[in-house]
Amino acid sequence: MNWIQLIIGAFFEVLWVIGIKHSSSWWEYLLTGIVIFISFYALIHAGKTLPVGTAYAVFVGLGTAGTIITGILFFGEELKISKLVLIVVLLIGVMGLKLVTSDKEAQQS
């Protein structure tokens, strides 16, 4: 469950990064602020049972990959093979961290 919260937090991270770049009115900035809160709340909540370093690395890695992919798909950013290769390497590292990290909640059961 904590990994799912972390993935949700990373999804909201992508949204607030886009929001910061494209906001132009007070209500868009307000919405962006709410999305930032949701994103970090999910990270903090997941960090209560997952090692904080791993949780943060996964959060930032997924957020970074998601932001780059969103930029390419929706905002016309340049698609380069080197970007795709580095995203794959990043995601392999994120999956590796997930595989080698145990959940405190699972250990207590």
PDB file of N, CA and C in Angstrom:
ATOM      1  N   MET A   1       0.816  -1.197   0.000  1.00  0.00           N
ATOM      2  CA  MET A   1       0.000   0.000   0.000  1.00  0.00           C
ATOM      3  C   MET A   1       0.861   1.263   0.000  1.00  0.00           C
ATOM      4  N   ASN A   2       1.975   1.218   0.742  1.00  0.00           N
ATOM      5  CA  ASN A   2       2.851   2.392   0.802  1.00  0.00           C
ATOM      6  C   ASN A   2       3.505   2.693  -0.539  1.00  0.00           C
ATOM      7  N   TRP A   3       3.805   1.639  -1.295  1.00  0.00           N
ATOM      8  CA  TRP A   3       4.380   1.858  -2.625  1.00  0.00           C
ATOM      9  C   TRP A   3       3.360   2.507  -3.546  1.00  0.00           C
ATOM     10  N   ILE A   4       2.102   2.117  -3.408  1.00  0.00           N
ATOM     11  CA  ILE A   4       1.049   2.730  -4.221  1.00  0.00           C
ATOM     12  C   ILE A   4       0.903   4.208  -3.864  1.00  0.00           C
ATOM     13  N   GLN A   5       0.959   4.526  -2.563  1.00  0.00           N
ATOM     14  CA  GLN A   5       0.897   5.929  -2.142  1.00  0.00           C
ATOM     15  C   GLN A   5       2.058   6.723  -2.735  1.00  0.00           C
ATOM     16  N   LEU A   6       3.217   6.099  -2.776  1.00  0.00           N
ATOM     17  CA  LEU A   6       4.387   6.769  -3.333  1.00  0.00           C
ATOM     18  C   LEU A   6       4.216   7.022  -4.831  1.00  0.00           C
ATOM     19  N   ILE A   7       3.656   6.066  -5.540  1.00  0.00           N
ATOM     20  CA  ILE A   7       3.407   6.233  -6.967  1.00  0.00           C
ATOM     21  C   ILE A   7       2.368   7.334  -7.198  1.00  0.00           C
ATOM     22  N   ILE A   8       1.333   7.366  -6.371  1.00  0.00           N
ATOM     23  CA  ILE A   8       0.330   8.429  -6.468  1.00  0.00           C
ATOM     24  C   ILE A   8       0.977   9.789  -6.204  1.00  0.00           C
ATOM     25  N   GLY A   9       1.849   9.845  -5.188  1.00  0.00           N
ATOM     26  CA  GLY A   9       2.563  11.089  -4.905  1.00  0.00           C
ATOM     27  C   GLY A   9       3.414  11.543  -6.083  1.00  0.00           C
ATOM     28  N   ALA A  10       4.077  10.584  -6.736  1.00  0.00           N
ATOM     29  CA  ALA A  10       4.898  10.929  -7.906  1.00  0.00           C
ATOM     30  C   ALA A  10       4.027  11.425  -9.060  1.00  0.00           C
ATOM     31  N   PHE A  11       2.839  10.830  -9.216  1.00  0.00           N
ATOM     32  CA  PHE A  11       1.906  11.294 -10.251  1.00  0.00           C
ATOM     33  C   PHE A  11       1.524  12.749  -9.990  1.00  0.00           C
ATOM     34  N   PHE A  12       1.205  13.062  -8.733  1.00  0.00           N
ATOM     35  CA  PHE A  12       0.860  14.439  -8.396  1.00  0.00           C
ATOM     36  C   PHE A  12       2.065  15.372  -8.523  1.00  0.00           C
ATOM     37  N   GLU A  13       3.271  14.825  -8.352  1.00  0.00           N
ATOM     38  CA  GLU A  13       4.468  15.638  -8.558  1.00  0.00           C
ATOM     39  C   GLU A  13       4.545  16.100 -10.012  1.00  0.00           C
ATOM     40  N   VAL A  14       4.257  15.199 -10.930  1.00  0.00           N
ATOM     41  CA  VAL A  14       4.249  15.563 -12.351  1.00  0.00           C
ATOM     42  C   VAL A  14       3.226  16.675 -12.592  1.00  0.00           C
ATOM     43  N   LEU A  15       2.055  16.544 -11.977  1.00  0.00           N
ATOM     44  CA  LEU A  15       1.015  17.558 -12.162  1.00  0.00           C
ATOM     45  C   LEU A  15       1.439  18.922 -11.636  1.00  0.00           C
ATOM     46  N   TRP A  16       2.082  18.954 -10.444  1.00  0.00           N
ATOM     47  CA  TRP A  16       2.443  20.279  -9.919  1.00  0.00           C
ATOM     48  C   TRP A  16       3.597  20.900 -10.673  1.00  0.00           C
ATOM     49  N   VAL A  17       4.484  20.082 -11.209  1.00  0.00           N
ATOM     50  CA  VAL A  17       5.571  20.650 -12.027  1.00  0.00           C
ATOM     51  C   VAL A  17       4.980  21.301 -13.273  1.00  0.00           C
ATOM     52  N   ILE A  18       4.026  20.626 -13.893  1.00  0.00           N
ATOM     53  CA  ILE A  18       3.342  21.207 -15.047  1.00  0.00           C
ATOM     54  C   ILE A  18       2.571  22.459 -14.630  1.00  0.00           C
ATOM     55  N   GLY A  19       1.911  22.375 -13.472  1.00  0.00           N
ATOM     56  CA  GLY A  19       1.151  23.509 -12.966  1.00  0.00           C
ATOM     57  C   GLY A  19       2.004  24.733 -12.726  1.00  0.00           C
ATOM     58  N   ILE A  20       3.188  24.537 -12.163  1.00  0.00           N
ATOM     59  CA  ILE A  20       4.083  25.677 -11.917  1.00  0.00           C
ATOM     60  C   ILE A  20       4.465  26.352 -13.231  1.00  0.00           C
ATOM     61  N   LYS A  21       4.733  25.549 -14.242  1.00  0.00           N
ATOM     62  CA  LYS A  21       5.154  26.119 -15.522  1.00  0.00           C
ATOM     63  C   LYS A  21       4.013  26.825 -16.251  1.00  0.00           C
ATOM     64  N   HIS A  22       2.804  26.293 -16.159  1.00  0.00           N
ATOM     65  CA  HIS A  22       1.720  26.783 -17.003  1.00  0.00           C
ATOM     66  C   HIS A  22       0.664  27.614 -16.274  1.00  0.00           C
ATOM     67  N   SER A  23       0.793  27.791 -14.971  1.00  0.00           N
ATOM     68  CA  SER A  23      -0.206  28.588 -14.239  1.00  0.00           C
ATOM     69  C   SER A  23      -0.088  30.063 -14.608  1.00  0.00           C
ATOM     70  N   SER A  24      -1.255  30.707 -14.738  1.00  0.00           N
ATOM     71  CA  SER A  24      -1.236  32.129 -15.066  1.00  0.00           C
ATOM     72  C   SER A  24      -2.270  32.925 -14.278  1.00  0.00           C
ATOM     73  N   SER A  25      -3.118  32.248 -13.520  1.00  0.00           N
ATOM     74  CA  SER A  25      -4.117  32.954 -12.717  1.00  0.00           C
ATOM     75  C   SER A  25      -4.047  32.472 -11.275  1.00  0.00           C
ATOM     76  N   TRP A  26      -4.679  33.222 -10.379  1.00  0.00           N
ATOM     77  CA  TRP A  26      -4.596  32.884  -8.957  1.00  0.00           C
ATOM     78  C   TRP A  26      -5.189  31.509  -8.662  1.00  0.00           C
ATOM     79  N   TRP A  27      -6.270  31.128  -9.358  1.00  0.00           N
ATOM     80  CA  TRP A  27      -6.882  29.839  -9.060  1.00  0.00           C
ATOM     81  C   TRP A  27      -6.034  28.689  -9.591  1.00  0.00           C
ATOM     82  N   GLU A  28      -5.280  28.900 -10.675  1.00  0.00           N
ATOM     83  CA  GLU A  28      -4.353  27.875 -11.161  1.00  0.00           C
ATOM     84  C   GLU A  28      -3.196  27.697 -10.187  1.00  0.00           C
ATOM     85  N   TYR A  29      -2.704  28.821  -9.636  1.00  0.00           N
ATOM     86  CA  TYR A  29      -1.654  28.724  -8.620  1.00  0.00           C
ATOM     87  C   TYR A  29      -2.177  28.047  -7.359  1.00  0.00           C
ATOM     88  N   LEU A  30      -3.419  28.341  -6.979  1.00  0.00           N
ATOM     89  CA  LEU A  30      -4.027  27.703  -5.818  1.00  0.00           C
ATOM     90  C   LEU A  30      -4.159  26.203  -6.041  1.00  0.00           C
ATOM     91  N   LEU A  31      -4.647  25.809  -7.204  1.00  0.00           N
ATOM     92  CA  LEU A  31      -4.770  24.397  -7.542  1.00  0.00           C
ATOM     93  C   LEU A  31      -3.401  23.719  -7.533  1.00  0.00           C
ATOM     94  N   THR A  32      -2.403  24.392  -8.062  1.00  0.00           N
ATOM     95  CA  THR A  32      -1.040  23.856  -8.046  1.00  0.00           C
ATOM     96  C   THR A  32      -0.564  23.658  -6.610  1.00  0.00           C
ATOM     97  N   GLY A  33      -0.863  24.612  -5.736  1.00  0.00           N
ATOM     98  CA  GLY A  33      -0.498  24.485  -4.324  1.00  0.00           C
ATOM     99  C   GLY A  33      -1.167  23.291  -3.665  1.00  0.00           C
ATOM    100  N   ILE A  34      -2.424  23.055  -3.987  1.00  0.00           N
ATOM    101  CA  ILE A  34      -3.138  21.895  -3.442  1.00  0.00           C
ATOM    102  C   ILE A  34      -2.507  20.597  -3.937  1.00  0.00           C
ATOM    103  N   VAL A  35      -2.142  20.568  -5.206  1.00  0.00           N
ATOM    104  CA  VAL A  35      -1.506  19.376  -5.778  1.00  0.00           C
ATOM    105  C   VAL A  35      -0.138  19.144  -5.136  1.00  0.00           C
ATOM    106  N   ILE A  36       0.610  20.210  -4.853  1.00  0.00           N
ATOM    107  CA  ILE A  36       1.898  20.074  -4.155  1.00  0.00           C
ATOM    108  C   ILE A  36       1.657  19.448  -2.783  1.00  0.00           C
ATOM    109  N   PHE A  37       0.647  19.933  -2.076  1.00  0.00           N
ATOM    110  CA  PHE A  37       0.332  19.390  -0.759  1.00  0.00           C
ATOM    111  C   PHE A  37       0.021  17.892  -0.841  1.00  0.00           C
ATOM    112  N   ILE A  38      -0.827  17.493  -1.789  1.00  0.00           N
ATOM    113  CA  ILE A  38      -1.183  16.081  -1.951  1.00  0.00           C
ATOM    114  C   ILE A  38       0.055  15.247  -2.252  1.00  0.00           C
ATOM    115  N   SER A  39       0.899  15.752  -3.139  1.00  0.00           N
ATOM    116  CA  SER A  39       2.106  15.038  -3.535  1.00  0.00           C
ATOM    117  C   SER A  39       3.021  14.785  -2.336  1.00  0.00           C
ATOM    118  N   PHE A  40       3.301  15.831  -1.570  1.00  0.00           N
ATOM    119  CA  PHE A  40       4.201  15.673  -0.439  1.00  0.00           C
ATOM    120  C   PHE A  40       3.553  14.925   0.726  1.00  0.00           C
ATOM    121  N   TYR A  41       2.232  15.043   0.866  1.00  0.00           N
ATOM    122  CA  TYR A  41       1.543  14.268   1.886  1.00  0.00           C
ATOM    123  C   TYR A  41       1.708  12.779   1.614  1.00  0.00           C
ATOM    124  N   ALA A  42       1.549  12.372   0.344  1.00  0.00           N
ATOM    125  CA  ALA A  42       1.718  10.966  -0.024  1.00  0.00           C
ATOM    126  C   ALA A  42       3.150  10.512   0.242  1.00  0.00           C
ATOM    127  N   LEU A  43       4.128  11.341  -0.072  1.00  0.00           N
ATOM    128  CA  LEU A  43       5.533  11.004   0.190  1.00  0.00           C
ATOM    129  C   LEU A  43       5.777  10.855   1.686  1.00  0.00           C
ATOM    130  N   ILE A  44       5.308  11.795   2.470  1.00  0.00           N
ATOM    131  CA  ILE A  44       5.523  11.757   3.922  1.00  0.00           C
ATOM    132  C   ILE A  44       4.835  10.537   4.525  1.00  0.00           C
ATOM    133  N   HIS A  45       3.622  10.257   4.089  1.00  0.00           N
ATOM    134  CA  HIS A  45       2.896   9.110   4.628  1.00  0.00           C
ATOM    135  C   HIS A  45       3.597   7.799   4.277  1.00  0.00           C
ATOM    136  N   ALA A  46       4.059   7.672   3.048  1.00  0.00           N
ATOM    137  CA  ALA A  46       4.775   6.456   2.642  1.00  0.00           C
ATOM    138  C   ALA A  46       6.103   6.332   3.389  1.00  0.00           C
ATOM    139  N   GLY A  47       6.731   7.474   3.681  1.00  0.00           N
ATOM    140  CA  GLY A  47       8.012   7.473   4.382  1.00  0.00           C
ATOM    141  C   GLY A  47       7.922   7.046   5.837  1.00  0.00           C
ATOM    142  N   LYS A  48       6.724   6.928   6.360  1.00  0.00           N
ATOM    143  CA  LYS A  48       6.563   6.460   7.742  1.00  0.00           C
ATOM    144  C   LYS A  48       6.894   4.982   7.879  1.00  0.00           C
ATOM    145  N   THR A  49       6.708   4.212   6.808  1.00  0.00           N
ATOM    146  CA  THR A  49       7.015   2.779   6.880  1.00  0.00           C
ATOM    147  C   THR A  49       8.117   2.354   5.908  1.00  0.00           C
ATOM    148  N   LEU A  50       8.356   3.129   4.882  1.00  0.00           N
ATOM    149  CA  LEU A  50       9.447   2.826   3.956  1.00  0.00           C
ATOM    150  C   LEU A  50      10.677   3.627   4.375  1.00  0.00           C
ATOM    151  N   PRO A  51      11.868   3.119   4.093  1.00  0.00           N
ATOM    152  CA  PRO A  51      13.057   3.922   4.377  1.00  0.00           C
ATOM    153  C   PRO A  51      12.980   5.249   3.620  1.00  0.00           C
ATOM    154  N   VAL A  52      13.222   6.331   4.327  1.00  0.00           N
ATOM    155  CA  VAL A  52      12.999   7.658   3.745  1.00  0.00           C
ATOM    156  C   VAL A  52      13.877   7.912   2.520  1.00  0.00           C
ATOM    157  N   GLY A  53      15.099   7.447   2.529  1.00  0.00           N
ATOM    158  CA  GLY A  53      15.991   7.643   1.379  1.00  0.00           C
ATOM    159  C   GLY A  53      15.471   6.931   0.140  1.00  0.00           C
ATOM    160  N   THR A  54      15.020   5.701   0.320  1.00  0.00           N
ATOM    161  CA  THR A  54      14.468   4.945  -0.794  1.00  0.00           C
ATOM    162  C   THR A  54      13.168   5.575  -1.282  1.00  0.00           C
ATOM    163  N   ALA A  55      12.297   5.950  -0.327  1.00  0.00           N
ATOM    164  CA  ALA A  55      11.020   6.566  -0.700  1.00  0.00           C
ATOM    165  C   ALA A  55      11.254   7.836  -1.505  1.00  0.00           C
ATOM    166  N   TYR A  56      12.184   8.666  -1.057  1.00  0.00           N
ATOM    167  CA  TYR A  56      12.452   9.913  -1.757  1.00  0.00           C
ATOM    168  C   TYR A  56      13.056   9.655  -3.140  1.00  0.00           C
ATOM    169  N   ALA A  57      13.970   8.702  -3.227  1.00  0.00           N
ATOM    170  CA  ALA A  57      14.596   8.394  -4.517  1.00  0.00           C
ATOM    171  C   ALA A  57      13.562   7.886  -5.518  1.00  0.00           C
ATOM    172  N   VAL A  58      12.667   7.022  -5.073  1.00  0.00           N
ATOM    173  CA  VAL A  58      11.626   6.504  -5.955  1.00  0.00           C
ATOM    174  C   VAL A  58      10.674   7.626  -6.357  1.00  0.00           C
ATOM    175  N   PHE A  59      10.279   8.445  -5.393  1.00  0.00           N
ATOM    176  CA  PHE A  59       9.377   9.579  -5.630  1.00  0.00           C
ATOM    177  C   PHE A  59       9.957  10.520  -6.693  1.00  0.00           C
ATOM    178  N   VAL A  60      11.193  10.917  -6.509  1.00  0.00           N
ATOM    179  CA  VAL A  60      11.832  11.850  -7.444  1.00  0.00           C
ATOM    180  C   VAL A  60      12.098  11.180  -8.791  1.00  0.00           C
ATOM    181  N   GLY A  61      12.512   9.926  -8.772  1.00  0.00           N
ATOM    182  CA  GLY A  61      12.785   9.218 -10.024  1.00  0.00           C
ATOM    183  C   GLY A  61      11.543   9.083 -10.886  1.00  0.00           C
ATOM    184  N   LEU A  62      10.443   8.645 -10.265  1.00  0.00           N
ATOM    185  CA  LEU A  62       9.196   8.518 -11.017  1.00  0.00           C
ATOM    186  C   LEU A  62       8.674   9.876 -11.463  1.00  0.00           C
ATOM    187  N   GLY A  63       8.797  10.870 -10.590  1.00  0.00           N
ATOM    188  CA  GLY A  63       8.366  12.223 -10.946  1.00  0.00           C
ATOM    189  C   GLY A  63       9.162  12.787 -12.111  1.00  0.00           C
ATOM    190  N   THR A  64      10.462  12.560 -12.092  1.00  0.00           N
ATOM    191  CA  THR A  64      11.323  13.032 -13.174  1.00  0.00           C
ATOM    192  C   THR A  64      10.977  12.349 -14.490  1.00  0.00           C
ATOM    193  N   ALA A  65      10.880  11.022 -14.450  1.00  0.00           N
ATOM    194  CA  ALA A  65      10.541  10.279 -15.667  1.00  0.00           C
ATOM    195  C   ALA A  65       9.168  10.709 -16.192  1.00  0.00           C
ATOM    196  N   GLY A  66       8.208  10.839 -15.294  1.00  0.00           N
ATOM    197  CA  GLY A  66       6.867  11.251 -15.699  1.00  0.00           C
ATOM    198  C   GLY A  66       6.838  12.643 -16.291  1.00  0.00           C
ATOM    199  N   THR A  67       7.604  13.553 -15.714  1.00  0.00           N
ATOM    200  CA  THR A  67       7.650  14.925 -16.220  1.00  0.00           C
ATOM    201  C   THR A  67       8.277  14.976 -17.608  1.00  0.00           C
ATOM    202  N   ILE A  68       9.338  14.227 -17.806  1.00  0.00           N
ATOM    203  CA  ILE A  68       9.994  14.204 -19.122  1.00  0.00           C
ATOM    204  C   ILE A  68       9.065  13.594 -20.172  1.00  0.00           C
ATOM    205  N   ILE A  69       8.437  12.486 -19.828  1.00  0.00           N
ATOM    206  CA  ILE A  69       7.535  11.823 -20.775  1.00  0.00           C
ATOM    207  C   ILE A  69       6.330  12.713 -21.095  1.00  0.00           C
ATOM    208  N   THR A  70       5.778  13.366 -20.074  1.00  0.00           N
ATOM    209  CA  THR A  70       4.661  14.285 -20.288  1.00  0.00           C
ATOM    210  C   THR A  70       5.071  15.444 -21.193  1.00  0.00           C
ATOM    211  N   GLY A  71       6.268  15.968 -20.977  1.00  0.00           N
ATOM    212  CA  GLY A  71       6.760  17.054 -21.814  1.00  0.00           C
ATOM    213  C   GLY A  71       6.874  16.647 -23.272  1.00  0.00           C
ATOM    214  N   ILE A  72       7.332  15.432 -23.498  1.00  0.00           N
ATOM    215  CA  ILE A  72       7.476  14.932 -24.863  1.00  0.00           C
ATOM    216  C   ILE A  72       6.102  14.699 -25.500  1.00  0.00           C
ATOM    217  N   LEU A  73       5.196  14.057 -24.753  1.00  0.00           N
ATOM    218  CA  LEU A  73       3.892  13.686 -25.316  1.00  0.00           C
ATOM    219  C   LEU A  73       2.927  14.853 -25.485  1.00  0.00           C
ATOM    220  N   PHE A  74       2.937  15.804 -24.536  1.00  0.00           N
ATOM    221  CA  PHE A  74       1.899  16.830 -24.535  1.00  0.00           C
ATOM    222  C   PHE A  74       2.389  18.251 -24.817  1.00  0.00           C
ATOM    223  N   PHE A  75       3.685  18.501 -24.682  1.00  0.00           N
ATOM    224  CA  PHE A  75       4.168  19.872 -24.815  1.00  0.00           C
ATOM    225  C   PHE A  75       5.224  20.046 -25.891  1.00  0.00           C
ATOM    226  N   GLY A  76       5.375  19.043 -26.743  1.00  0.00           N
ATOM    227  CA  GLY A  76       6.237  19.175 -27.907  1.00  0.00           C
ATOM    228  C   GLY A  76       7.727  19.255 -27.618  1.00  0.00           C
ATOM    229  N   GLU A  77       8.144  18.771 -26.450  1.00  0.00           N
ATOM    230  CA  GLU A  77       9.581  18.768 -26.177  1.00  0.00           C
ATOM    231  C   GLU A  77      10.262  17.733 -27.063  1.00  0.00           C
ATOM    232  N   GLU A  78      11.522  17.966 -27.313  1.00  0.00           N
ATOM    233  CA  GLU A  78      12.271  17.130 -28.239  1.00  0.00           C
ATOM    234  C   GLU A  78      12.454  15.714 -27.707  1.00  0.00           C
ATOM    235  N   LEU A  79      12.200  14.734 -28.557  1.00  0.00           N
ATOM    236  CA  LEU A  79      12.399  13.331 -28.219  1.00  0.00           C
ATOM    237  C   LEU A  79      13.763  12.895 -28.744  1.00  0.00           C
ATOM    238  N   LYS A  80      14.604  12.484 -27.835  1.00  0.00           N
ATOM    239  CA  LYS A  80      15.925  11.991 -28.212  1.00  0.00           C
ATOM    240  C   LYS A  80      16.091  10.583 -27.668  1.00  0.00           C
ATOM    241  N   ILE A  81      16.813   9.781 -28.402  1.00  0.00           N
ATOM    242  CA  ILE A  81      17.100   8.415 -27.941  1.00  0.00           C
ATOM    243  C   ILE A  81      17.850   8.460 -26.615  1.00  0.00           C
ATOM    244  N   SER A  82      18.758   9.407 -26.453  1.00  0.00           N
ATOM    245  CA  SER A  82      19.521   9.495 -25.204  1.00  0.00           C
ATOM    246  C   SER A  82      18.600   9.749 -24.012  1.00  0.00           C
ATOM    247  N   LYS A  83      17.553  10.574 -24.196  1.00  0.00           N
ATOM    248  CA  LYS A  83      16.584  10.812 -23.123  1.00  0.00           C
ATOM    249  C   LYS A  83      15.870   9.518 -22.750  1.00  0.00           C
ATOM    250  N   LEU A  84      15.424   8.785 -23.775  1.00  0.00           N
ATOM    251  CA  LEU A  84      14.709   7.538 -23.517  1.00  0.00           C
ATOM    252  C   LEU A  84      15.589   6.519 -22.809  1.00  0.00           C
ATOM    253  N   VAL A  85      16.829   6.411 -23.241  1.00  0.00           N
ATOM    254  CA  VAL A  85      17.758   5.473 -22.603  1.00  0.00           C
ATOM    255  C   VAL A  85      17.967   5.853 -21.135  1.00  0.00           C
ATOM    256  N   LEU A  86      18.156   7.130 -20.869  1.00  0.00           N
ATOM    257  CA  LEU A  86      18.375   7.566 -19.492  1.00  0.00           C
ATOM    258  C   LEU A  86      17.125   7.393 -18.630  1.00  0.00           C
ATOM    259  N   ILE A  87      15.947   7.584 -19.200  1.00  0.00           N
ATOM    260  CA  ILE A  87      14.715   7.321 -18.456  1.00  0.00           C
ATOM    261  C   ILE A  87      14.621   5.841 -18.099  1.00  0.00           C
ATOM    262  N   VAL A  88      14.958   4.978 -19.046  1.00  0.00           N
ATOM    263  CA  VAL A  88      14.934   3.534 -18.783  1.00  0.00           C
ATOM    264  C   VAL A  88      15.921   3.186 -17.671  1.00  0.00           C
ATOM    265  N   VAL A  89      17.116   3.745 -17.719  1.00  0.00           N
ATOM    266  CA  VAL A  89      18.111   3.501 -16.669  1.00  0.00           C
ATOM    267  C   VAL A  89      17.583   3.984 -15.319  1.00  0.00           C
ATOM    268  N   LEU A  90      16.978   5.161 -15.306  1.00  0.00           N
ATOM    269  CA  LEU A  90      16.398   5.714 -14.087  1.00  0.00           C
ATOM    270  C   LEU A  90      15.318   4.792 -13.533  1.00  0.00           C
ATOM    271  N   LEU A  91      14.424   4.330 -14.395  1.00  0.00           N
ATOM    272  CA  LEU A  91      13.343   3.456 -13.951  1.00  0.00           C
ATOM    273  C   LEU A  91      13.851   2.090 -13.492  1.00  0.00           C
ATOM    274  N   ILE A  92      14.904   1.594 -14.107  1.00  0.00           N
ATOM    275  CA  ILE A  92      15.520   0.350 -13.641  1.00  0.00           C
ATOM    276  C   ILE A  92      16.061   0.544 -12.223  1.00  0.00           C
ATOM    277  N   GLY A  93      16.682   1.693 -11.979  1.00  0.00           N
ATOM    278  CA  GLY A  93      17.171   1.995 -10.629  1.00  0.00           C
ATOM    279  C   GLY A  93      16.037   2.095  -9.625  1.00  0.00           C
ATOM    280  N   VAL A  94      14.944   2.713 -10.013  1.00  0.00           N
ATOM    281  CA  VAL A  94      13.780   2.838  -9.129  1.00  0.00           C
ATOM    282  C   VAL A  94      13.211   1.453  -8.814  1.00  0.00           C
ATOM    283  N   MET A  95      13.059   0.618  -9.848  1.00  0.00           N
ATOM    284  CA  MET A  95      12.546  -0.737  -9.615  1.00  0.00           C
ATOM    285  C   MET A  95      13.508  -1.549  -8.759  1.00  0.00           C
ATOM    286  N   GLY A  96      14.803  -1.359  -8.977  1.00  0.00           N
ATOM    287  CA  GLY A  96      15.794  -2.048  -8.153  1.00  0.00           C
ATOM    288  C   GLY A  96      15.693  -1.653  -6.690  1.00  0.00           C
ATOM    289  N   LEU A  97      15.507  -0.366  -6.427  1.00  0.00           N
ATOM    290  CA  LEU A  97      15.334   0.081  -5.046  1.00  0.00           C
ATOM    291  C   LEU A  97      14.092  -0.530  -4.422  1.00  0.00           C
ATOM    292  N   LYS A  98      13.034  -0.633  -5.185  1.00  0.00           N
ATOM    293  CA  LYS A  98      11.811  -1.235  -4.667  1.00  0.00           C
ATOM    294  C   LYS A  98      12.038  -2.704  -4.335  1.00  0.00           C
ATOM    295  N   LEU A  99      12.772  -3.400  -5.173  1.00  0.00           N
ATOM    296  CA  LEU A  99      13.005  -4.832  -4.957  1.00  0.00           C
ATOM    297  C   LEU A  99      13.879  -5.117  -3.738  1.00  0.00           C
ATOM    298  N   VAL A 100      14.820  -4.242  -3.455  1.00  0.00           N
ATOM    299  CA  VAL A 100      15.736  -4.506  -2.337  1.00  0.00           C
ATOM    300  C   VAL A 100      15.304  -3.842  -1.032  1.00  0.00           C
ATOM    301  N   THR A 101      14.170  -3.168  -1.029  1.00  0.00           N
ATOM    302  CA  THR A 101      13.696  -2.478   0.156  1.00  0.00           C
ATOM    303  C   THR A 101      12.524  -3.217   0.756  1.00  0.00           C
ATOM    304  N   SER A 102      12.623  -3.473   2.059  1.00  0.00           N
ATOM    305  CA  SER A 102      11.506  -4.131   2.736  1.00  0.00           C
ATOM    306  C   SER A 102      10.629  -3.065   3.390  1.00  0.00           C
ATOM    307  N   ASP A 103       9.385  -3.395   3.548  1.00  0.00           N
ATOM    308  CA  ASP A 103       8.382  -2.515   4.131  1.00  0.00           C
ATOM    309  C   ASP A 103       8.259  -2.857   5.618  1.00  0.00           C
ATOM    310  N   LYS A 104       8.408  -1.872   6.509  1.00  0.00           N
ATOM    311  CA  LYS A 104       8.290  -2.123   7.955  1.00  0.00           C
ATOM    312  C   LYS A 104       6.965  -2.762   8.306  1.00  0.00           C
ATOM    313  N   GLU A 105       5.914  -2.343   7.626  1.00  0.00           N
ATOM    314  CA  GLU A 105       4.590  -2.862   7.901  1.00  0.00           C
ATOM    315  C   GLU A 105       4.527  -4.351   7.587  1.00  0.00           C
ATOM    316  N   ALA A 106       5.137  -4.777   6.486  1.00  0.00           N
ATOM    317  CA  ALA A 106       5.143  -6.178   6.102  1.00  0.00           C
ATOM    318  C   ALA A 106       5.970  -6.989   7.090  1.00  0.00           C
ATOM    319  N   GLN A 107       7.045  -6.423   7.618  1.00  0.00           N
ATOM    320  CA  GLN A 107       7.890  -7.130   8.577  1.00  0.00           C
ATOM    321  C   GLN A 107       7.178  -7.341   9.893  1.00  0.00           C
ATOM    322  N   GLN A 108       6.295  -6.421  10.275  1.00  0.00           N
ATOM    323  CA  GLN A 108       5.612  -6.514  11.553  1.00  0.00           C
ATOM    324  C   GLN A 108       4.464  -7.515  11.526  1.00  0.00           C
ATOM    325  N   SER A 109       4.012  -7.898  10.342  1.00  0.00           N
ATOM    326  CA  SER A 109       2.872  -8.829  10.226  1.00  0.00           C
ATOM    327  C   SER A 109       3.268 -10.238  10.556  1.00  0.00           C
TER     328      SER A 109
END
